Amino acid sequence: MSSKNIETVESKPPKISGISSLYQMRSFHLGMDVVNDKESMVFKTRPDLYIHESALRKIIALELNLKGLCQVKMKRKVWVPWFDITKPFYLADECFFGHYQDLYKHFINYDLIYDNYYNIDSGLTHIRRFIYPFMEGYPQLKKFLRYFSVTTHGTNQRFKVLNFYKKLRTYKSLLVLYCGILDRYFEIGLKDEKKYIIFRKWSQNYIELPTSNCLYDVFHSRYSWDPSLGHIYGNDSAWLKNVLDKINIDDVKLMNFDFCLNEANLARKIGLEAKKN
């Protein structure tokens, strides 16, 4: 392995047992600790994932510069292959790509509040990693974790719960905030590439999403790569930008992120009756 410039890092399990996400976090942490160049870009993956070489080259060559005002100080955007549209910060963690300092500072944490306070069902491992750096700058996200993080993926209640949530103005407001954060800090997927990763069932069951005027038009089992599980994935940044452009929430200055979420304005813009506190 050393002849290929590959270093193997062995680790002991974290002291808190039974929480698999902490094992994954520690493995990533230890791997990051042996990176010598702290200005380098890092591609995190796993041994049971295959990615086509041409796609990997495209990822490494991506323009990931941040633009405009950012609440969270980062050097570059982070690339991920997909995001769950209906559940904030349920992002792909089997592989991602970003600047060493961003990944080390923002996407390593052992905070147990996600296990012991918030009631998060599916996606806990993913959410705890990716929502962590945005909790202070966007405190509205605490509302999502407190009230909307049970989504019943993988049960026969999945789309009943989703249809209930999408009627609620607060849930819709939080989804718009989520999509805005993704657009500002993340790059999703690859343009003109679909089945470039072999990993799980989702990677070979690509679903084309409609480019409609409404984010919530995709909240249907026909857009899930497995309706029995109910995940609805966004696979590229172009679709995300299109959705945000059509929402056009000028009142809250969504794209500048210099606002406190104004649910009355936001509700009015997406055609809902404003609720007084």
C-alpha atoms as a PDB file:
ATOM      1  CA  MET A   1       0.000   0.000   0.000  1.00  0.00           C
ATOM      2  CA  SER A   2       2.827   2.398   0.809  1.00  0.00           C
ATOM      3  CA  SER A   3       4.135   2.048  -2.772  1.00  0.00           C
ATOM      4  CA  LYS A   4       0.815   3.502  -3.969  1.00  0.00           C
ATOM      5  CA  ASN A   5       1.107   6.404  -1.519  1.00  0.00           C
ATOM      6  CA  ILE A   6      -1.774   4.986   0.523  1.00  0.00           C
ATOM      7  CA  GLU A   7      -1.708   5.153   4.313  1.00  0.00           C
ATOM      8  CA  THR A   8      -3.860   2.812   6.376  1.00  0.00           C
ATOM      9  CA  VAL A   9      -5.181   4.186   9.666  1.00  0.00           C
ATOM     10  CA  GLU A  10      -6.423   1.753  12.305  1.00  0.00           C
ATOM     11  CA  SER A  11      -8.713   2.917  15.069  1.00  0.00           C
ATOM     12  CA  LYS A  12     -10.287   1.816  18.291  1.00  0.00           C
ATOM     13  CA  PRO A  13     -14.067   2.182  18.692  1.00  0.00           C
ATOM     14  CA  PRO A  14     -15.336   5.375  20.346  1.00  0.00           C
ATOM     15  CA  LYS A  15     -15.981   5.107  24.072  1.00  0.00           C
ATOM     16  CA  ILE A  16     -19.739   5.461  23.587  1.00  0.00           C
ATOM     17  CA  SER A  17     -20.872   2.189  22.064  1.00  0.00           C
ATOM     18  CA  GLY A  18     -24.051   1.408  20.175  1.00  0.00           C
ATOM     19  CA  ILE A  19     -24.146   4.613  18.092  1.00  0.00           C
ATOM     20  CA  SER A  20     -22.866   3.609  14.657  1.00  0.00           C
ATOM     21  CA  SER A  21     -22.608   7.183  13.422  1.00  0.00           C
ATOM     22  CA  LEU A  22     -19.916   7.905  16.012  1.00  0.00           C
ATOM     23  CA  TYR A  23     -17.851   5.015  14.652  1.00  0.00           C
ATOM     24  CA  GLN A  24     -18.118   6.527  11.179  1.00  0.00           C
ATOM     25  CA  MET A  25     -17.309   9.982  12.493  1.00  0.00           C
ATOM     26  CA  ARG A  26     -14.230   8.733  14.321  1.00  0.00           C
ATOM     27  CA  SER A  27     -12.939   6.862  11.261  1.00  0.00           C
ATOM     28  CA  PHE A  28     -13.289   9.988   9.142  1.00  0.00           C
ATOM     29  CA  HIS A  29     -11.705  12.097  11.893  1.00  0.00           C
ATOM     30  CA  LEU A  30      -8.665   9.832  12.134  1.00  0.00           C
ATOM     31  CA  GLY A  31      -8.275   9.801   8.381  1.00  0.00           C
ATOM     32  CA  MET A  32      -8.367  13.593   8.268  1.00  0.00           C
ATOM     33  CA  ASP A  33      -5.690  13.755  10.954  1.00  0.00           C
ATOM     34  CA  VAL A  34      -3.115  12.190   8.633  1.00  0.00           C
ATOM     35  CA  VAL A  35      -3.695  14.733   5.834  1.00  0.00           C
ATOM     36  CA  ASN A  36      -0.543  16.839   5.702  1.00  0.00           C
ATOM     37  CA  ASP A  37      -1.667  19.605   3.366  1.00  0.00           C
ATOM     38  CA  LYS A  38      -4.322  21.576   5.248  1.00  0.00           C
ATOM     39  CA  GLU A  39      -5.161  23.541   2.089  1.00  0.00           C
ATOM     40  CA  SER A  40      -5.980  20.444   0.069  1.00  0.00           C
ATOM     41  CA  MET A  41      -9.330  19.268  -1.237  1.00  0.00           C
ATOM     42  CA  VAL A  42     -10.462  15.953   0.223  1.00  0.00           C
ATOM     43  CA  PHE A  43     -12.649  13.271  -1.338  1.00  0.00           C
ATOM     44  CA  LYS A  44     -14.248  11.098   1.326  1.00  0.00           C
ATOM     45  CA  THR A  45     -15.536   7.695   0.211  1.00  0.00           C
ATOM     46  CA  ARG A  46     -15.820   4.110   1.446  1.00  0.00           C
ATOM     47  CA  PRO A  47     -14.391   0.789   0.200  1.00  0.00           C
ATOM     48  CA  ASP A  48     -17.735  -0.660  -0.943  1.00  0.00           C
ATOM     49  CA  LEU A  49     -18.498   2.299  -3.241  1.00  0.00           C
ATOM     50  CA  TYR A  50     -17.417   2.451  -6.880  1.00  0.00           C
ATOM     51  CA  ILE A  51     -17.324   5.705  -8.813  1.00  0.00           C
ATOM     52  CA  HIS A  52     -16.400   5.960 -12.474  1.00  0.00           C
ATOM     53  CA  GLU A  53     -13.005   7.542 -12.975  1.00  0.00           C
ATOM     54  CA  SER A  54     -14.334  10.092 -15.468  1.00  0.00           C
ATOM     55  CA  ALA A  55     -16.944  11.234 -12.928  1.00  0.00           C
ATOM     56  CA  LEU A  56     -14.329  11.523 -10.195  1.00  0.00           C
ATOM     57  CA  ARG A  57     -12.212  13.717 -12.440  1.00  0.00           C
ATOM     58  CA  LYS A  58     -15.229  15.967 -13.053  1.00  0.00           C
ATOM     59  CA  ILE A  59     -15.859  16.266  -9.312  1.00  0.00           C
ATOM     60  CA  ILE A  60     -12.253  17.236  -8.618  1.00  0.00           C
ATOM     61  CA  ALA A  61     -12.433  19.862 -11.376  1.00  0.00           C
ATOM     62  CA  LEU A  62     -15.663  21.466 -10.136  1.00  0.00           C
ATOM     63  CA  GLU A  63     -15.858  25.191  -9.475  1.00  0.00           C
ATOM     64  CA  LEU A  64     -16.803  25.252  -5.786  1.00  0.00           C
ATOM     65  CA  ASN A  65     -16.256  28.906  -4.927  1.00  0.00           C
ATOM     66  CA  LEU A  66     -18.720  30.454  -2.505  1.00  0.00           C
ATOM     67  CA  LYS A  67     -20.494  33.627  -3.573  1.00  0.00           C
ATOM     68  CA  GLY A  68     -22.163  36.391  -1.611  1.00  0.00           C
ATOM     69  CA  LEU A  69     -22.760  36.735   2.110  1.00  0.00           C
ATOM     70  CA  CYS A  70     -22.344  33.498   4.091  1.00  0.00           C
ATOM     71  CA  GLN A  71     -23.433  33.021   7.682  1.00  0.00           C
ATOM     72  CA  VAL A  72     -21.092  30.037   7.999  1.00  0.00           C
ATOM     73  CA  LYS A  73     -17.492  30.766   7.094  1.00  0.00           C
ATOM     74  CA  MET A  74     -16.257  28.186   4.632  1.00  0.00           C
ATOM     75  CA  LYS A  75     -13.540  28.171   1.986  1.00  0.00           C
ATOM     76  CA  ARG A  76     -15.424  26.183  -0.653  1.00  0.00           C
ATOM     77  CA  LYS A  77     -18.750  24.560  -1.314  1.00  0.00           C
ATOM     78  CA  VAL A  78     -19.056  20.874  -0.460  1.00  0.00           C
ATOM     79  CA  TRP A  79     -19.985  18.433  -3.223  1.00  0.00           C
ATOM     80  CA  VAL A  80     -22.460  15.612  -2.492  1.00  0.00           C
ATOM     81  CA  PRO A  81     -24.191  13.303  -5.010  1.00  0.00           C
ATOM     82  CA  TRP A  82     -27.757  13.734  -3.689  1.00  0.00           C
ATOM     83  CA  PHE A  83     -30.021  15.249  -1.065  1.00  0.00           C
ATOM     84  CA  ASP A  84     -33.404  14.171   0.263  1.00  0.00           C
ATOM     85  CA  ILE A  85     -35.754  16.948  -0.821  1.00  0.00           C
ATOM     86  CA  THR A  86     -38.295  16.360   1.940  1.00  0.00           C
ATOM     87  CA  LYS A  87     -36.012  16.025   4.969  1.00  0.00           C
ATOM     88  CA  PRO A  88     -33.513  18.823   5.638  1.00  0.00           C
ATOM     89  CA  PHE A  89     -29.853  17.820   5.724  1.00  0.00           C
ATOM     90  CA  TYR A  90     -30.486  14.201   4.865  1.00  0.00           C
ATOM     91  CA  LEU A  91     -27.551  14.416   2.431  1.00  0.00           C
ATOM     92  CA  ALA A  92     -25.368  11.728   0.911  1.00  0.00           C
ATOM     93  CA  ASP A  93     -22.468  10.825   3.173  1.00  0.00           C
ATOM     94  CA  GLU A  94     -21.166   7.728   1.386  1.00  0.00           C
ATOM     95  CA  CYS A  95     -18.945  10.111  -0.540  1.00  0.00           C
ATOM     96  CA  PHE A  96     -18.441  13.869  -0.510  1.00  0.00           C
ATOM     97  CA  PHE A  97     -15.754  16.337  -1.547  1.00  0.00           C
ATOM     98  CA  GLY A  98     -14.601  19.552   0.051  1.00  0.00           C
ATOM     99  CA  HIS A  99     -11.801  21.696   1.407  1.00  0.00           C
ATOM    100  CA  TYR A 100      -9.868  20.068   4.243  1.00  0.00           C
ATOM    101  CA  GLN A 101     -10.437  22.930   6.670  1.00  0.00           C
ATOM    102  CA  ASP A 102     -14.181  23.043   6.018  1.00  0.00           C
ATOM    103  CA  LEU A 103     -14.638  19.305   6.444  1.00  0.00           C
ATOM    104  CA  TYR A 104     -12.492  19.191   9.561  1.00  0.00           C
ATOM    105  CA  LYS A 105     -14.035  22.200  11.278  1.00  0.00           C
ATOM    106  CA  HIS A 106     -17.677  21.838  10.301  1.00  0.00           C
ATOM    107  CA  PHE A 107     -18.446  18.215   9.493  1.00  0.00           C
ATOM    108  CA  ILE A 108     -16.879  16.318  12.381  1.00  0.00           C
ATOM    109  CA  ASN A 109     -18.858  16.336  15.604  1.00  0.00           C
ATOM    110  CA  TYR A 110     -19.729  13.965  18.428  1.00  0.00           C
ATOM    111  CA  ASP A 111     -22.686  15.940  19.755  1.00  0.00           C
ATOM    112  CA  LEU A 112     -25.211  13.565  21.350  1.00  0.00           C
ATOM    113  CA  ILE A 113     -28.094  16.047  21.301  1.00  0.00           C
ATOM    114  CA  TYR A 114     -29.230  14.448  18.039  1.00  0.00           C
ATOM    115  CA  ASP A 115     -29.589  11.106  19.812  1.00  0.00           C
ATOM    116  CA  ASN A 116     -30.823  12.188  23.230  1.00  0.00           C
ATOM    117  CA  TYR A 117     -32.957  15.271  22.684  1.00  0.00           C
ATOM    118  CA  TYR A 118     -34.248  15.415  19.122  1.00  0.00           C
ATOM    119  CA  ASN A 119     -36.399  12.556  17.909  1.00  0.00           C
ATOM    120  CA  ILE A 120     -34.889  11.846  14.492  1.00  0.00           C
ATOM    121  CA  ASP A 121     -35.782   8.614  12.744  1.00  0.00           C
ATOM    122  CA  SER A 122     -34.321   7.908   9.279  1.00  0.00           C
ATOM    123  CA  GLY A 123     -31.206   9.760   8.211  1.00  0.00           C
ATOM    124  CA  LEU A 124     -29.832  10.495  11.686  1.00  0.00           C
ATOM    125  CA  THR A 125     -26.244   9.674  10.703  1.00  0.00           C
ATOM    126  CA  HIS A 126     -26.453  12.000   7.710  1.00  0.00           C
ATOM    127  CA  ILE A 127     -28.304  14.822   9.438  1.00  0.00           C
ATOM    128  CA  ARG A 128     -26.020  15.029  12.463  1.00  0.00           C
ATOM    129  CA  ARG A 129     -23.019  15.546  10.180  1.00  0.00           C
ATOM    130  CA  PHE A 130     -24.436  18.090   7.760  1.00  0.00           C
ATOM    131  CA  ILE A 131     -26.810  20.202   9.858  1.00  0.00           C
ATOM    132  CA  TYR A 132     -24.263  20.787  12.628  1.00  0.00           C
ATOM    133  CA  PRO A 133     -22.409  23.847  11.217  1.00  0.00           C
ATOM    134  CA  PHE A 134     -25.655  25.646  10.346  1.00  0.00           C
ATOM    135  CA  MET A 135     -27.470  25.360  13.674  1.00  0.00           C
ATOM    136  CA  GLU A 136     -26.053  28.565  15.138  1.00  0.00           C
ATOM    137  CA  GLY A 137     -26.331  30.734  12.041  1.00  0.00           C
ATOM    138  CA  TYR A 138     -29.818  29.487  11.179  1.00  0.00           C
ATOM    139  CA  PRO A 139     -31.573  28.810  14.504  1.00  0.00           C
ATOM    140  CA  GLN A 140     -34.835  28.135  12.638  1.00  0.00           C
ATOM    141  CA  LEU A 141     -33.383  24.688  11.914  1.00  0.00           C
ATOM    142  CA  LYS A 142     -33.974  23.765  15.546  1.00  0.00           C
ATOM    143  CA  LYS A 143     -37.673  23.964  14.769  1.00  0.00           C
ATOM    144  CA  PHE A 144     -37.233  21.358  12.044  1.00  0.00           C
ATOM    145  CA  LEU A 145     -35.365  18.987  14.353  1.00  0.00           C
ATOM    146  CA  ARG A 146     -37.886  19.494  17.134  1.00  0.00           C
ATOM    147  CA  TYR A 147     -41.103  19.083  15.159  1.00  0.00           C
ATOM    148  CA  PHE A 148     -40.498  17.611  11.699  1.00  0.00           C
ATOM    149  CA  SER A 149     -37.663  15.084  11.986  1.00  0.00           C
ATOM    150  CA  VAL A 150     -39.940  12.032  12.233  1.00  0.00           C
ATOM    151  CA  THR A 151     -40.709  11.251   8.596  1.00  0.00           C
ATOM    152  CA  THR A 152     -41.490   7.498   8.781  1.00  0.00           C
ATOM    153  CA  HIS A 153     -39.322   6.566   5.804  1.00  0.00           C
ATOM    154  CA  GLY A 154     -39.654   2.849   5.122  1.00  0.00           C
ATOM    155  CA  THR A 155     -43.142   2.470   6.606  1.00  0.00           C
ATOM    156  CA  ASN A 156     -46.653   2.467   5.154  1.00  0.00           C
ATOM    157  CA  GLN A 157     -47.194   5.841   6.864  1.00  0.00           C
ATOM    158  CA  ARG A 158     -44.444   7.623   4.925  1.00  0.00           C
ATOM    159  CA  PHE A 159     -46.570   9.476   2.368  1.00  0.00           C
ATOM    160  CA  LYS A 160     -49.407  10.081   4.786  1.00  0.00           C
ATOM    161  CA  VAL A 161     -46.983  11.926   7.051  1.00  0.00           C
ATOM    162  CA  LEU A 162     -45.418  13.768   4.114  1.00  0.00           C
ATOM    163  CA  ASN A 163     -48.802  14.898   2.799  1.00  0.00           C
ATOM    164  CA  PHE A 164     -49.658  16.178   6.260  1.00  0.00           C
ATOM    165  CA  TYR A 165     -46.374  18.079   6.599  1.00  0.00           C
ATOM    166  CA  LYS A 166     -46.638  19.778   3.228  1.00  0.00           C
ATOM    167  CA  LYS A 167     -49.883  21.437   4.307  1.00  0.00           C
ATOM    168  CA  LEU A 168     -48.075  23.198   7.143  1.00  0.00           C
ATOM    169  CA  ARG A 169     -46.639  26.650   6.457  1.00  0.00           C
ATOM    170  CA  THR A 170     -43.795  26.203   8.960  1.00  0.00           C
ATOM    171  CA  TYR A 171     -42.618  23.001   7.284  1.00  0.00           C
ATOM    172  CA  LYS A 172     -42.744  24.683   3.880  1.00  0.00           C
ATOM    173  CA  SER A 173     -40.810  27.663   5.201  1.00  0.00           C
ATOM    174  CA  LEU A 174     -38.117  25.402   6.583  1.00  0.00           C
ATOM    175  CA  LEU A 175     -37.834  23.517   3.300  1.00  0.00           C
ATOM    176  CA  VAL A 176     -37.232  26.769   1.426  1.00  0.00           C
ATOM    177  CA  LEU A 177     -34.558  27.725   3.953  1.00  0.00           C
ATOM    178  CA  TYR A 178     -32.998  24.262   3.563  1.00  0.00           C
ATOM    179  CA  CYS A 179     -32.922  24.551  -0.231  1.00  0.00           C
ATOM    180  CA  GLY A 180     -31.387  28.010   0.025  1.00  0.00           C
ATOM    181  CA  ILE A 181     -28.624  26.764   2.320  1.00  0.00           C
ATOM    182  CA  LEU A 182     -27.925  23.883  -0.055  1.00  0.00           C
ATOM    183  CA  ASP A 183     -27.665  26.266  -2.983  1.00  0.00           C
ATOM    184  CA  ARG A 184     -25.288  28.543  -1.083  1.00  0.00           C
ATOM    185  CA  TYR A 185     -22.973  25.970   0.522  1.00  0.00           C
ATOM    186  CA  PHE A 186     -23.252  22.758  -1.505  1.00  0.00           C
ATOM    187  CA  GLU A 187     -22.894  21.485  -5.044  1.00  0.00           C
ATOM    188  CA  ILE A 188     -25.228  18.596  -5.865  1.00  0.00           C
ATOM    189  CA  GLY A 189     -24.426  15.830  -8.327  1.00  0.00           C
ATOM    190  CA  LEU A 190     -22.883  16.190 -11.770  1.00  0.00           C
ATOM    191  CA  LYS A 191     -24.314  17.806 -14.873  1.00  0.00           C
ATOM    192  CA  ASP A 192     -25.148  15.262 -17.582  1.00  0.00           C
ATOM    193  CA  GLU A 193     -24.120  12.340 -15.366  1.00  0.00           C
ATOM    194  CA  LYS A 194     -26.657   9.925 -13.897  1.00  0.00           C
ATOM    195  CA  LYS A 195     -25.446   6.442 -12.962  1.00  0.00           C
ATOM    196  CA  TYR A 196     -21.826   7.217 -12.202  1.00  0.00           C
ATOM    197  CA  ILE A 197     -21.798   5.667  -8.713  1.00  0.00           C
ATOM    198  CA  ILE A 198     -22.393   2.027  -7.817  1.00  0.00           C
ATOM    199  CA  PHE A 199     -23.236   1.711  -4.163  1.00  0.00           C
ATOM    200  CA  ARG A 200     -26.844   1.160  -3.128  1.00  0.00           C
ATOM    201  CA  LYS A 201     -30.123   0.704  -4.940  1.00  0.00           C
ATOM    202  CA  TRP A 202     -30.612   4.467  -5.270  1.00  0.00           C
ATOM    203  CA  SER A 203     -27.457   4.898  -7.365  1.00  0.00           C
ATOM    204  CA  GLN A 204     -28.831   2.787 -10.212  1.00  0.00           C
ATOM    205  CA  ASN A 205     -32.485   3.898  -9.912  1.00  0.00           C
ATOM    206  CA  TYR A 206     -32.168   7.474 -11.132  1.00  0.00           C
ATOM    207  CA  ILE A 207     -35.475   9.371 -11.084  1.00  0.00           C
ATOM    208  CA  GLU A 208     -35.935  12.398 -13.345  1.00  0.00           C
ATOM    209  CA  LEU A 209     -37.729  15.157 -11.433  1.00  0.00           C
ATOM    210  CA  PRO A 210     -40.153  17.575 -13.089  1.00  0.00           C
ATOM    211  CA  THR A 211     -39.062  21.181 -13.524  1.00  0.00           C
ATOM    212  CA  SER A 212     -42.317  22.584 -12.232  1.00  0.00           C
ATOM    213  CA  ASN A 213     -43.212  25.835 -10.529  1.00  0.00           C
ATOM    214  CA  CYS A 214     -43.644  24.178  -7.157  1.00  0.00           C
ATOM    215  CA  LEU A 215     -41.157  22.416  -4.925  1.00  0.00           C
ATOM    216  CA  TYR A 216     -43.926  20.259  -3.517  1.00  0.00           C
ATOM    217  CA  ASP A 217     -44.958  18.734  -6.861  1.00  0.00           C
ATOM    218  CA  VAL A 218     -42.319  16.037  -6.318  1.00  0.00           C
ATOM    219  CA  PHE A 219     -43.819  14.947  -3.001  1.00  0.00           C
ATOM    220  CA  HIS A 220     -45.218  11.759  -4.461  1.00  0.00           C
ATOM    221  CA  SER A 221     -44.246   8.090  -4.423  1.00  0.00           C
ATOM    222  CA  ARG A 222     -43.690   8.140  -8.208  1.00  0.00           C
ATOM    223  CA  TYR A 223     -40.583  10.254  -7.606  1.00  0.00           C
ATOM    224  CA  SER A 224     -39.073   7.926  -5.025  1.00  0.00           C
ATOM    225  CA  TRP A 225     -36.455   5.453  -6.214  1.00  0.00           C
ATOM    226  CA  ASP A 226     -38.173   2.947  -3.924  1.00  0.00           C
ATOM    227  CA  PRO A 227     -41.755   3.878  -2.954  1.00  0.00           C
ATOM    228  CA  SER A 228     -41.672   1.394  -0.078  1.00  0.00           C
ATOM    229  CA  LEU A 229     -38.931   3.499   1.515  1.00  0.00           C
ATOM    230  CA  GLY A 230     -40.101   6.907   0.341  1.00  0.00           C
ATOM    231  CA  HIS A 231     -36.841   8.733  -0.268  1.00  0.00           C
ATOM    232  CA  ILE A 232     -37.157  11.523  -2.836  1.00  0.00           C
ATOM    233  CA  TYR A 233     -33.719  12.617  -3.978  1.00  0.00           C
ATOM    234  CA  GLY A 234     -32.525  15.705  -5.747  1.00  0.00           C
ATOM    235  CA  ASN A 235     -29.562  14.732  -7.901  1.00  0.00           C
ATOM    236  CA  ASP A 236     -28.291  17.980  -9.353  1.00  0.00           C
ATOM    237  CA  SER A 237     -27.844  21.642  -8.515  1.00  0.00           C
ATOM    238  CA  ALA A 238     -29.606  22.809 -11.680  1.00  0.00           C
ATOM    239  CA  TRP A 239     -32.947  21.429 -10.487  1.00  0.00           C
ATOM    240  CA  LEU A 240     -32.447  23.054  -7.101  1.00  0.00           C
ATOM    241  CA  LYS A 241     -31.637  26.456  -8.608  1.00  0.00           C
ATOM    242  CA  ASN A 242     -34.681  26.230 -10.852  1.00  0.00           C
ATOM    243  CA  VAL A 243     -36.950  25.618  -7.857  1.00  0.00           C
ATOM    244  CA  LEU A 244     -35.445  28.515  -5.909  1.00  0.00           C
ATOM    245  CA  ASP A 245     -35.663  30.891  -8.870  1.00  0.00           C
ATOM    246  CA  LYS A 246     -39.361  30.197  -9.203  1.00  0.00           C
ATOM    247  CA  ILE A 247     -40.065  30.678  -5.493  1.00  0.00           C
ATOM    248  CA  ASN A 248     -38.582  34.216  -5.704  1.00  0.00           C
ATOM    249  CA  ILE A 249     -39.020  35.265  -2.081  1.00  0.00           C
ATOM    250  CA  ASP A 250     -37.824  38.859  -2.253  1.00  0.00           C
ATOM    251  CA  ASP A 251     -39.356  39.847   1.085  1.00  0.00           C
ATOM    252  CA  VAL A 252     -37.054  37.643   3.129  1.00  0.00           C
ATOM    253  CA  LYS A 253     -33.995  38.066   0.906  1.00  0.00           C
ATOM    254  CA  LEU A 254     -33.489  34.327   0.851  1.00  0.00           C
ATOM    255  CA  MET A 255     -30.514  34.263  -1.463  1.00  0.00           C
ATOM    256  CA  ASN A 256     -28.571  36.789   0.635  1.00  0.00           C
ATOM    257  CA  PHE A 257     -29.218  35.005   3.920  1.00  0.00           C
ATOM    258  CA  ASP A 258     -29.334  38.224   5.875  1.00  0.00           C
ATOM    259  CA  PHE A 259     -32.757  37.602   7.375  1.00  0.00           C
ATOM    260  CA  CYS A 260     -34.579  36.097  10.296  1.00  0.00           C
ATOM    261  CA  LEU A 261     -37.215  33.774   8.917  1.00  0.00           C
ATOM    262  CA  ASN A 262     -40.396  35.789   8.557  1.00  0.00           C
ATOM    263  CA  GLU A 263     -43.097  33.157   8.369  1.00  0.00           C
ATOM    264  CA  ALA A 264     -45.833  35.661   7.560  1.00  0.00           C
ATOM    265  CA  ASN A 265     -44.022  36.968   4.457  1.00  0.00           C
ATOM    266  CA  LEU A 266     -42.867  33.515   3.457  1.00  0.00           C
ATOM    267  CA  ALA A 267     -46.313  32.013   3.817  1.00  0.00           C
ATOM    268  CA  ARG A 268     -47.855  34.779   1.733  1.00  0.00           C
ATOM    269  CA  LYS A 269     -45.336  34.240  -1.043  1.00  0.00           C
ATOM    270  CA  ILE A 270     -46.043  30.530  -1.340  1.00  0.00           C
ATOM    271  CA  GLY A 271     -49.770  31.036  -1.328  1.00  0.00           C
ATOM    272  CA  LEU A 272     -50.620  30.176   2.250  1.00  0.00           C
ATOM    273  CA  GLU A 273     -52.606  32.098   4.808  1.00  0.00           C
ATOM    274  CA  ALA A 274     -50.256  33.774   7.267  1.00  0.00           C
ATOM    275  CA  LYS A 275     -50.486  32.618  10.831  1.00  0.00           C
ATOM    276  CA  LYS A 276     -50.149  35.115  13.654  1.00  0.00           C
ATOM    277  CA  ASN A 277     -47.973  34.085  16.560  1.00  0.00           C
END
